[in-house]
Protein backbone atom coordinates (compact mmCIF):
# COMPACT_ATOMS: atom_id res chain seq x y z
CA UNK A 1 81.77 118.59 -97.90
CA UNK A 2 83.96 116.19 -95.94
CA UNK A 3 84.51 119.01 -93.47
CA UNK A 4 80.74 119.40 -92.97
CA UNK A 5 80.22 115.65 -92.40
CA UNK A 6 83.02 115.57 -89.82
CA UNK A 7 81.63 118.68 -88.16
CA UNK A 8 78.11 117.13 -88.09
CA UNK A 9 79.42 113.81 -86.66
CA UNK A 10 81.47 115.62 -84.05
CA UNK A 11 78.45 117.74 -83.07
CA UNK A 12 76.22 114.64 -82.78
CA UNK A 13 78.83 112.78 -80.72
CA UNK A 14 79.23 115.74 -78.36
CA UNK A 15 75.48 116.14 -77.99
CA UNK A 16 75.09 112.41 -77.29
CA UNK A 17 77.78 112.47 -74.61
CA UNK A 18 76.28 115.51 -72.95
CA UNK A 19 72.80 113.97 -73.02
CA UNK A 20 74.15 110.78 -71.44
CA UNK A 21 75.89 112.73 -68.68
CA UNK A 22 72.73 114.66 -67.94
CA UNK A 23 70.76 111.44 -67.57
CA UNK A 24 72.91 110.29 -64.67
CA UNK A 25 73.12 113.69 -63.02
CA UNK A 26 69.33 114.02 -62.63
CA UNK A 27 68.74 110.70 -60.82
CA UNK A 28 68.44 111.47 -57.09
CA UNK A 29 69.96 109.00 -54.63
CA UNK A 30 67.53 106.71 -52.85
CA UNK A 31 66.66 108.01 -49.37
CA UNK A 32 68.16 106.00 -46.51
CA UNK A 33 65.50 104.23 -44.48
CA UNK A 34 65.50 104.37 -40.71
CA UNK A 35 66.15 100.87 -39.37
CA UNK A 36 63.35 99.07 -37.56
CA UNK A 37 63.76 98.38 -33.84
CA UNK A 38 65.62 95.14 -33.13
CA UNK A 39 65.07 94.98 -29.37
CA UNK A 40 62.14 93.53 -27.41
CA UNK A 41 59.56 96.31 -27.74
CA UNK A 42 57.20 94.80 -25.16
CA UNK A 43 60.03 94.74 -22.61
CA UNK A 44 60.67 98.44 -23.35
CA UNK A 45 56.97 99.19 -22.85
CA UNK A 46 56.81 97.37 -19.53
CA UNK A 47 60.07 98.95 -18.38
CA UNK A 48 58.58 102.40 -18.93
CA UNK A 49 55.76 101.49 -16.56
CA UNK A 50 58.16 100.02 -14.02
CA UNK A 51 60.35 103.16 -14.11
CA UNK A 52 57.42 105.47 -13.49
CA UNK A 53 57.51 106.32 -9.79
CA UNK A 54 54.67 108.80 -9.82
CA UNK A 55 52.76 109.68 -6.67
CA UNK A 56 49.66 108.51 -8.59
CA UNK A 57 49.19 104.79 -9.20
CA UNK A 58 45.57 103.79 -9.73
CA UNK A 59 44.71 100.14 -9.05
CA UNK A 60 40.97 99.53 -9.46
CA UNK A 61 39.15 96.56 -7.95
CA UNK A 62 39.34 93.52 -10.20
CA UNK A 63 36.64 91.06 -11.22
CA UNK A 64 37.71 87.49 -10.26
CA UNK A 65 36.63 86.11 -13.67
CA UNK A 66 38.61 88.77 -15.52
CA UNK A 67 41.53 88.26 -13.15
CA UNK A 68 41.62 84.52 -13.95
CA UNK A 69 41.61 85.23 -17.71
CA UNK A 70 44.42 87.77 -17.28
CA UNK A 71 46.52 85.28 -15.32
CA UNK A 72 45.95 82.60 -17.97
CA UNK A 73 46.87 85.08 -20.71
CA UNK A 74 50.12 85.94 -18.89
CA UNK A 75 50.99 82.24 -18.71
CA UNK A 76 50.25 81.81 -22.42
CA UNK A 77 52.37 84.83 -23.27
CA UNK A 78 55.29 83.53 -21.20
CA UNK A 79 55.00 80.22 -23.06
CA UNK A 80 55.10 82.03 -26.40
CA UNK A 81 51.44 81.28 -27.19
CA UNK A 82 50.58 84.82 -28.21
CA UNK A 83 47.43 83.91 -30.13
CA UNK A 84 46.02 82.07 -27.12
CA UNK A 85 46.94 84.99 -24.85
CA UNK A 86 45.16 87.39 -27.20
CA UNK A 87 42.07 85.17 -27.18
CA UNK A 88 41.91 85.12 -23.38
CA UNK A 89 42.36 88.88 -23.17
CA UNK A 90 39.62 89.34 -25.78
CA UNK A 91 37.31 87.22 -23.59
CA UNK A 92 38.22 89.36 -20.58
CA UNK A 93 37.51 92.52 -22.60
CA UNK A 94 34.01 91.20 -23.36
CA UNK A 95 33.42 91.10 -19.60
CA UNK A 96 35.09 94.44 -18.92
CA UNK A 97 35.34 96.38 -22.21
CA UNK A 98 36.43 99.69 -20.68
CA UNK A 99 39.25 98.38 -18.51
CA UNK A 100 42.36 100.46 -19.26
CA UNK A 101 44.67 97.77 -17.82
CA UNK A 102 43.12 95.04 -19.99
CA UNK A 103 43.29 97.22 -23.08
CA UNK A 104 46.98 97.90 -22.46
CA UNK A 105 47.75 94.22 -21.87
CA UNK A 106 45.96 93.40 -25.12
CA UNK A 107 48.00 96.11 -26.88
CA UNK A 108 51.22 94.49 -25.64
CA UNK A 109 50.13 91.09 -26.93
CA UNK A 110 49.22 92.75 -30.26
CA UNK A 111 52.84 93.94 -30.45
CA UNK A 112 53.98 90.34 -29.93
CA UNK A 113 51.64 89.31 -32.77
CA UNK A 114 53.05 92.12 -34.97
CA UNK A 115 49.60 93.71 -35.23
CA UNK A 116 51.06 97.18 -34.83
CA UNK A 117 47.99 99.16 -35.87
CA UNK A 118 45.81 97.41 -33.30
CA UNK A 119 48.49 97.86 -30.62
CA UNK A 120 48.54 101.61 -31.13
CA UNK A 121 44.73 101.89 -31.20
CA UNK A 122 44.40 99.82 -28.00
CA UNK A 123 47.05 101.89 -26.21
CA UNK A 124 45.28 105.13 -27.20
CA UNK A 125 41.96 103.77 -25.95
CA UNK A 126 43.53 102.58 -22.71
CA UNK A 127 45.02 106.03 -22.14
CA UNK A 128 41.73 107.80 -22.90
CA UNK A 129 39.88 105.62 -20.37
CA UNK A 130 42.68 105.42 -17.80
CA UNK A 131 44.08 107.72 -15.12
CA UNK A 132 46.41 109.57 -17.59
CA UNK A 133 49.12 109.55 -14.92
CA UNK A 134 51.40 106.95 -13.43
CA UNK A 135 52.74 103.61 -14.67
CA UNK A 136 49.79 102.68 -16.91
CA UNK A 137 50.00 106.05 -18.67
CA UNK A 138 53.74 105.52 -19.23
CA UNK A 139 53.07 102.06 -20.73
CA UNK A 140 50.36 103.53 -22.99
CA UNK A 141 52.63 106.20 -24.39
CA UNK A 142 55.68 103.96 -24.63
CA UNK A 143 53.53 101.60 -26.73
CA UNK A 144 52.79 104.52 -29.03
CA UNK A 145 56.50 105.43 -29.14
CA UNK A 146 57.35 101.87 -30.19
CA UNK A 147 54.61 101.75 -32.83
CA UNK A 148 55.71 105.07 -34.30
CA UNK A 149 59.30 103.74 -34.47
CA UNK A 150 57.95 100.60 -36.14
CA UNK A 151 56.26 102.85 -38.71
CA UNK A 152 59.56 104.75 -39.18
CA UNK A 153 57.83 107.92 -37.95
CA UNK A 154 60.62 109.62 -35.98
CA UNK A 155 58.62 112.82 -35.41
CA UNK A 156 55.64 110.87 -34.05
CA UNK A 157 57.92 108.86 -31.77
CA UNK A 158 59.51 112.05 -30.43
CA UNK A 159 56.08 113.53 -29.67
CA UNK A 160 54.96 110.34 -27.91
CA UNK A 161 58.19 110.35 -25.83
CA UNK A 162 57.20 113.77 -24.52
CA UNK A 163 53.86 112.31 -23.44
CA UNK A 164 55.64 109.51 -21.55
CA UNK A 165 57.31 112.23 -19.48
CA UNK A 166 53.97 113.91 -18.79
CA UNK A 167 52.69 110.76 -17.07
CA UNK A 168 54.78 111.59 -14.00
CA UNK A 169 53.22 113.42 -11.05
CA UNK A 170 55.78 114.34 -8.45
CA UNK A 171 54.93 114.03 -4.78
CA UNK A 172 54.75 116.88 -2.31
CA UNK A 173 58.09 117.31 -0.53
CA UNK A 174 57.76 116.46 3.14
CA UNK A 175 60.25 117.82 5.60
């Protein structure tokens, strides 16, 4: 009988050890998260527009009232008053709601305010109403790239980067 008790205890001990080992083996490691951007995203957006040397660069006529609000918003943004800049651009958008340039400027201020969803929506709207080529197009799509990176969506950012490249329209070679 002593033999059976020892055999039973040994069997239980072995089973307990194996069960404990299995518990640790089935826990998957936590997935590594992609780090968020640490650079100035608005500067990257504006640089994309500045780099775009397309033959197409649409500059529509500007309303003086809207122009004054845009200038005041730029001054507020430079002073770090992002909420005030957003308010002035919102006033300008009431006067000219379908202005692609205003929508993009408002998207950039939304990035400063960390309102990433609004920034992406505004950039999409600006692109849909705008020339779809040239510097404004590049700023639109770079905004979307930055917002996709902010959302840790690497595939979406890669797709948007391709669209940045499609904003370029090469000129006709002249000899």
